[in-house]
Amino acid sequence: MARTYLLSSIGLPGSGKSTFLRRFSEEQKFFYWQNDEARRRLFNPRRHTTEEDKLLGQAGRYALGQALQTGLSSIYDVNLNRREHRALFRQLAEVHQAKFWLLWFQVPLEVARARVQRRTEQATSELRAYYDGFDPDFLERMRANLQEPTRDEHVIILDGEAPYETLRQQVLAQA
């Protein structure tokens, strides 16, 4: 990966996005921004409001812009399920002569549900409130509202059940 990249993701909670992106960013020495972590640090109590989401998006774009400006490849670990949100980050990458790639993590709904359930059971008390907010229909609603990428978006489709090394090789080969 010789040039500067901005990677982000699309997929259901529990599809393996953050697990892969965090490890990949450490290995490749990418700047890493995760909205969930930023929300935990910036907002107490966390309300998951539209205003919080807007502020996090602005903070993320600013931080990523600063990193890309210095030539540091970056990962935006947030679920970009809406085309208009992806367009903002594609434009950010273009401004900084970086290549934008969208990593689409796909898993069966049952796998996502089981992973979220396992996370909820293993969560610390601080995180439990976040995961407890996932009602049984949450994943179905999220899947129904996901806007699939169009042909003009640079997408790498990944099997969220595949081992890290397989995913890593696939991203390195296609990006």
C-alpha atoms as a PDB file:
ATOM      1  CA  MET A   1       0.000   0.000   0.000  1.00  0.00           C
ATOM      2  CA  ALA A   2       2.273   2.769  -1.282  1.00  0.00           C
ATOM      3  CA  ARG A   3      -0.195   5.643  -1.576  1.00  0.00           C
ATOM      4  CA  THR A   4      -2.460   7.308   0.996  1.00  0.00           C
ATOM      5  CA  TYR A   5      -5.782   5.621   1.707  1.00  0.00           C
ATOM      6  CA  LEU A   6      -8.979   6.301   3.574  1.00  0.00           C
ATOM      7  CA  LEU A   7     -10.843   3.110   4.436  1.00  0.00           C
ATOM      8  CA  SER A   8     -14.289   2.859   5.936  1.00  0.00           C
ATOM      9  CA  SER A   9     -16.932   0.189   6.272  1.00  0.00           C
ATOM     10  CA  ILE A  10     -20.483  -0.880   5.713  1.00  0.00           C
ATOM     11  CA  GLY A  11     -22.273  -3.788   7.339  1.00  0.00           C
ATOM     12  CA  LEU A  12     -24.369  -4.874  10.277  1.00  0.00           C
ATOM     13  CA  PRO A  13     -23.199  -4.679  13.882  1.00  0.00           C
ATOM     14  CA  GLY A  14     -21.480  -7.987  14.566  1.00  0.00           C
ATOM     15  CA  SER A  15     -20.218  -8.384  10.989  1.00  0.00           C
ATOM     16  CA  GLY A  16     -16.559  -8.009  11.996  1.00  0.00           C
ATOM     17  CA  LYS A  17     -15.953  -4.412  10.940  1.00  0.00           C
ATOM     18  CA  SER A  18     -14.280  -3.033  14.067  1.00  0.00           C
ATOM     19  CA  THR A  19     -12.427  -6.250  14.851  1.00  0.00           C
ATOM     20  CA  PHE A  20     -10.785  -6.213  11.423  1.00  0.00           C
ATOM     21  CA  LEU A  21     -10.307  -2.441  11.092  1.00  0.00           C
ATOM     22  CA  ARG A  22      -8.661  -2.027  14.504  1.00  0.00           C
ATOM     23  CA  ARG A  23      -6.153  -4.820  13.869  1.00  0.00           C
ATOM     24  CA  PHE A  24      -5.491  -3.727  10.292  1.00  0.00           C
ATOM     25  CA  SER A  25      -4.878  -0.122  11.376  1.00  0.00           C
ATOM     26  CA  GLU A  26      -2.349  -1.248  13.984  1.00  0.00           C
ATOM     27  CA  GLU A  27      -0.569  -3.537  11.548  1.00  0.00           C
ATOM     28  CA  GLN A  28      -0.466  -1.048   8.675  1.00  0.00           C
ATOM     29  CA  LYS A  29       0.188   1.989  10.945  1.00  0.00           C
ATOM     30  CA  PHE A  30      -2.973   3.791   9.805  1.00  0.00           C
ATOM     31  CA  PHE A  31      -4.599   6.584  11.803  1.00  0.00           C
ATOM     32  CA  TYR A  32      -7.724   5.072  13.396  1.00  0.00           C
ATOM     33  CA  TRP A  33     -10.951   6.892  14.299  1.00  0.00           C
ATOM     34  CA  GLN A  34     -13.879   5.023  15.817  1.00  0.00           C
ATOM     35  CA  ASN A  35     -17.118   6.884  16.487  1.00  0.00           C
ATOM     36  CA  ASP A  36     -18.221   4.544  19.295  1.00  0.00           C
ATOM     37  CA  GLU A  37     -15.005   5.207  21.208  1.00  0.00           C
ATOM     38  CA  ALA A  38     -15.192   8.947  20.557  1.00  0.00           C
ATOM     39  CA  ARG A  39     -18.817   8.958  21.772  1.00  0.00           C
ATOM     40  CA  ARG A  40     -17.818   7.221  25.021  1.00  0.00           C
ATOM     41  CA  ARG A  41     -15.073   9.797  25.599  1.00  0.00           C
ATOM     42  CA  LEU A  42     -16.992  12.927  24.600  1.00  0.00           C
ATOM     43  CA  PHE A  43     -20.543  12.415  25.813  1.00  0.00           C
ATOM     44  CA  ASN A  44     -21.696  11.532  29.313  1.00  0.00           C
ATOM     45  CA  PRO A  45     -24.445  10.535  29.313  1.00  0.00           C
ATOM     46  CA  ARG A  46     -24.513   9.250  25.741  1.00  0.00           C
ATOM     47  CA  ARG A  47     -27.877   9.828  24.139  1.00  0.00           C
ATOM     48  CA  HIS A  48     -27.237   8.651  20.559  1.00  0.00           C
ATOM     49  CA  THR A  49     -29.091  11.700  19.254  1.00  0.00           C
ATOM     50  CA  THR A  50     -28.901  13.174  15.776  1.00  0.00           C
ATOM     51  CA  GLU A  51     -26.947  16.093  17.251  1.00  0.00           C
ATOM     52  CA  GLU A  52     -24.376  13.735  18.821  1.00  0.00           C
ATOM     53  CA  ASP A  53     -24.062  11.911  15.487  1.00  0.00           C
ATOM     54  CA  LYS A  54     -23.500  15.200  13.618  1.00  0.00           C
ATOM     55  CA  LEU A  55     -20.838  16.352  16.082  1.00  0.00           C
ATOM     56  CA  LEU A  56     -19.048  13.005  15.885  1.00  0.00           C
ATOM     57  CA  GLY A  57     -19.151  13.118  12.092  1.00  0.00           C
ATOM     58  CA  GLN A  58     -17.642  16.608  12.088  1.00  0.00           C
ATOM     59  CA  ALA A  59     -14.951  15.623  14.603  1.00  0.00           C
ATOM     60  CA  GLY A  60     -14.144  12.495  12.610  1.00  0.00           C
ATOM     61  CA  ARG A  61     -13.896  14.378   9.318  1.00  0.00           C
ATOM     62  CA  TYR A  62     -11.622  16.973  10.924  1.00  0.00           C
ATOM     63  CA  ALA A  63      -9.309  14.368  12.527  1.00  0.00           C
ATOM     64  CA  LEU A  64      -9.159  12.307   9.344  1.00  0.00           C
ATOM     65  CA  GLY A  65      -8.506  15.408   7.253  1.00  0.00           C
ATOM     66  CA  GLN A  66      -5.567  16.322   9.475  1.00  0.00           C
ATOM     67  CA  ALA A  67      -4.127  12.816   9.210  1.00  0.00           C
ATOM     68  CA  LEU A  68      -4.617  12.608   5.439  1.00  0.00           C
ATOM     69  CA  GLN A  69      -3.089  16.067   4.994  1.00  0.00           C
ATOM     70  CA  THR A  70       0.160  14.717   6.422  1.00  0.00           C
ATOM     71  CA  GLY A  71       0.013  11.679   4.114  1.00  0.00           C
ATOM     72  CA  LEU A  72      -1.097   9.290   6.860  1.00  0.00           C
ATOM     73  CA  SER A  73      -3.484   6.611   5.612  1.00  0.00           C
ATOM     74  CA  SER A  74      -6.552   6.433   7.802  1.00  0.00           C
ATOM     75  CA  ILE A  75      -9.455   4.270   8.852  1.00  0.00           C
ATOM     76  CA  TYR A  76     -12.862   5.652   9.729  1.00  0.00           C
ATOM     77  CA  ASP A  77     -14.442   2.914  11.813  1.00  0.00           C
ATOM     78  CA  VAL A  78     -18.076   3.790  11.566  1.00  0.00           C
ATOM     79  CA  ASN A  79     -20.885   2.184   9.690  1.00  0.00           C
ATOM     80  CA  LEU A  80     -21.407   4.163   6.468  1.00  0.00           C
ATOM     81  CA  ASN A  81     -24.692   2.541   5.501  1.00  0.00           C
ATOM     82  CA  ARG A  82     -26.020   5.697   3.805  1.00  0.00           C
ATOM     83  CA  ARG A  83     -24.750   6.842   0.409  1.00  0.00           C
ATOM     84  CA  GLU A  84     -24.715  10.536   1.338  1.00  0.00           C
ATOM     85  CA  HIS A  85     -22.423   9.789   4.306  1.00  0.00           C
ATOM     86  CA  ARG A  86     -20.077   7.750   2.131  1.00  0.00           C
ATOM     87  CA  ALA A  87     -19.953  10.604  -0.384  1.00  0.00           C
ATOM     88  CA  LEU A  88     -18.663  12.989   2.309  1.00  0.00           C
ATOM     89  CA  PHE A  89     -15.718  10.725   3.056  1.00  0.00           C
ATOM     90  CA  ARG A  90     -15.041   9.951  -0.584  1.00  0.00           C
ATOM     91  CA  GLN A  91     -14.826  13.746  -1.131  1.00  0.00           C
ATOM     92  CA  LEU A  92     -12.540  14.115   1.908  1.00  0.00           C
ATOM     93  CA  ALA A  93     -10.200  11.524   0.440  1.00  0.00           C
ATOM     94  CA  GLU A  94     -10.211  13.266  -2.960  1.00  0.00           C
ATOM     95  CA  VAL A  95      -9.333  16.642  -1.397  1.00  0.00           C
ATOM     96  CA  HIS A  96      -6.237  15.041   0.128  1.00  0.00           C
ATOM     97  CA  GLN A  97      -5.339  12.962  -2.977  1.00  0.00           C
ATOM     98  CA  ALA A  98      -6.108   9.776  -1.049  1.00  0.00           C
ATOM     99  CA  LYS A  99      -7.864   6.686  -2.385  1.00  0.00           C
ATOM    100  CA  PHE A 100     -11.197   5.922  -0.684  1.00  0.00           C
ATOM    101  CA  TRP A 101     -12.202   2.289  -0.244  1.00  0.00           C
ATOM    102  CA  LEU A 102     -15.403   1.026   1.321  1.00  0.00           C
ATOM    103  CA  LEU A 103     -15.070  -2.377   2.972  1.00  0.00           C
ATOM    104  CA  TRP A 104     -18.411  -4.184   2.938  1.00  0.00           C
ATOM    105  CA  PHE A 105     -18.520  -6.818   5.658  1.00  0.00           C
ATOM    106  CA  GLN A 106     -21.183  -9.433   5.023  1.00  0.00           C
ATOM    107  CA  VAL A 107     -22.436 -12.093   7.430  1.00  0.00           C
ATOM    108  CA  PRO A 108     -25.765 -13.900   7.785  1.00  0.00           C
ATOM    109  CA  LEU A 109     -28.217 -12.099  10.060  1.00  0.00           C
ATOM    110  CA  GLU A 110     -28.059 -14.972  12.571  1.00  0.00           C
ATOM    111  CA  VAL A 111     -24.277 -14.589  12.883  1.00  0.00           C
ATOM    112  CA  ALA A 112     -24.568 -10.836  13.476  1.00  0.00           C
ATOM    113  CA  ARG A 113     -27.297 -11.403  16.058  1.00  0.00           C
ATOM    114  CA  ALA A 114     -25.243 -14.046  17.918  1.00  0.00           C
ATOM    115  CA  ARG A 115     -22.145 -11.815  17.959  1.00  0.00           C
ATOM    116  CA  VAL A 116     -24.076  -8.821  19.283  1.00  0.00           C
ATOM    117  CA  GLN A 117     -25.682 -11.035  21.939  1.00  0.00           C
ATOM    118  CA  ARG A 118     -22.271 -12.382  22.967  1.00  0.00           C
ATOM    119  CA  ARG A 119     -20.891  -8.833  23.141  1.00  0.00           C
ATOM    120  CA  THR A 120     -23.816  -7.781  25.320  1.00  0.00           C
ATOM    121  CA  GLU A 121     -23.213 -10.651  27.726  1.00  0.00           C
ATOM    122  CA  GLN A 122     -19.472  -9.932  27.934  1.00  0.00           C
ATOM    123  CA  ALA A 123     -19.728  -6.138  28.100  1.00  0.00           C
ATOM    124  CA  THR A 124     -18.585  -4.117  31.065  1.00  0.00           C
ATOM    125  CA  SER A 125     -21.320  -2.262  32.917  1.00  0.00           C
ATOM    126  CA  GLU A 126     -20.387   0.921  31.029  1.00  0.00           C
ATOM    127  CA  LEU A 127     -20.894  -0.736  27.648  1.00  0.00           C
ATOM    128  CA  ARG A 128     -23.837  -2.912  28.624  1.00  0.00           C
ATOM    129  CA  ALA A 129     -26.253   0.032  28.381  1.00  0.00           C
ATOM    130  CA  TYR A 130     -25.100   0.602  24.799  1.00  0.00           C
ATOM    131  CA  TYR A 131     -25.661  -3.020  23.770  1.00  0.00           C
ATOM    132  CA  ASP A 132     -28.902  -3.346  25.730  1.00  0.00           C
ATOM    133  CA  GLY A 133     -30.298  -0.705  23.358  1.00  0.00           C
ATOM    134  CA  PHE A 134     -30.239  -3.259  20.529  1.00  0.00           C
ATOM    135  CA  ASP A 135     -33.790  -4.548  20.568  1.00  0.00           C
ATOM    136  CA  PRO A 136     -34.543  -7.809  18.720  1.00  0.00           C
ATOM    137  CA  ASP A 137     -35.663  -5.989  15.559  1.00  0.00           C
ATOM    138  CA  PHE A 138     -32.711  -3.576  15.474  1.00  0.00           C
ATOM    139  CA  LEU A 139     -30.583  -5.638  13.094  1.00  0.00           C
ATOM    140  CA  GLU A 140     -33.498  -6.261  10.731  1.00  0.00           C
ATOM    141  CA  ARG A 141     -34.267  -2.526  10.601  1.00  0.00           C
ATOM    142  CA  MET A 142     -30.636  -1.717  10.018  1.00  0.00           C
ATOM    143  CA  ARG A 143     -30.367  -4.272   7.206  1.00  0.00           C
ATOM    144  CA  ALA A 144     -33.538  -2.903   5.597  1.00  0.00           C
ATOM    145  CA  ASN A 145     -32.169   0.670   5.723  1.00  0.00           C
ATOM    146  CA  LEU A 146     -28.695  -0.190   4.402  1.00  0.00           C
ATOM    147  CA  GLN A 147     -28.116   1.453   1.047  1.00  0.00           C
ATOM    148  CA  GLU A 148     -26.064  -0.931  -1.023  1.00  0.00           C
ATOM    149  CA  PRO A 149     -23.057   0.615  -2.750  1.00  0.00           C
ATOM    150  CA  THR A 150     -23.441   1.699  -6.354  1.00  0.00           C
ATOM    151  CA  ARG A 151     -21.116   0.775  -9.226  1.00  0.00           C
ATOM    152  CA  ASP A 152     -19.182   4.049  -8.917  1.00  0.00           C
ATOM    153  CA  GLU A 153     -18.204   3.419  -5.281  1.00  0.00           C
ATOM    154  CA  HIS A 154     -14.911   1.629  -4.645  1.00  0.00           C
ATOM    155  CA  VAL A 155     -16.059  -1.403  -2.677  1.00  0.00           C
ATOM    156  CA  ILE A 156     -14.296  -4.505  -1.435  1.00  0.00           C
ATOM    157  CA  ILE A 157     -16.779  -7.163  -0.368  1.00  0.00           C
ATOM    158  CA  LEU A 158     -15.545  -9.189   2.602  1.00  0.00           C
ATOM    159  CA  ASP A 159     -16.863 -12.320   4.260  1.00  0.00           C
ATOM    160  CA  GLY A 160     -17.139 -11.271   7.913  1.00  0.00           C
ATOM    161  CA  GLU A 161     -16.713 -14.905   8.973  1.00  0.00           C
ATOM    162  CA  ALA A 162     -13.347 -15.312   7.225  1.00  0.00           C
ATOM    163  CA  PRO A 163     -10.103 -15.321   9.245  1.00  0.00           C
ATOM    164  CA  TYR A 164      -8.230 -12.040   9.640  1.00  0.00           C
ATOM    165  CA  GLU A 165      -5.350 -13.092   7.373  1.00  0.00           C
ATOM    166  CA  THR A 166      -7.747 -13.909   4.514  1.00  0.00           C
ATOM    167  CA  LEU A 167      -9.443 -10.511   4.843  1.00  0.00           C
ATOM    168  CA  ARG A 168      -6.090  -8.732   5.141  1.00  0.00           C
ATOM    169  CA  GLN A 169      -4.787 -10.334   1.953  1.00  0.00           C
ATOM    170  CA  GLN A 170      -7.989  -9.499   0.112  1.00  0.00           C
ATOM    171  CA  VAL A 171      -7.823  -5.817   1.118  1.00  0.00           C
ATOM    172  CA  LEU A 172      -4.114  -5.516   0.299  1.00  0.00           C
ATOM    173  CA  ALA A 173      -4.635  -7.157  -3.099  1.00  0.00           C
ATOM    174  CA  GLN A 174      -7.607  -4.990  -4.116  1.00  0.00           C
ATOM    175  CA  ALA A 175      -6.798  -1.604  -2.586  1.00  0.00           C
END
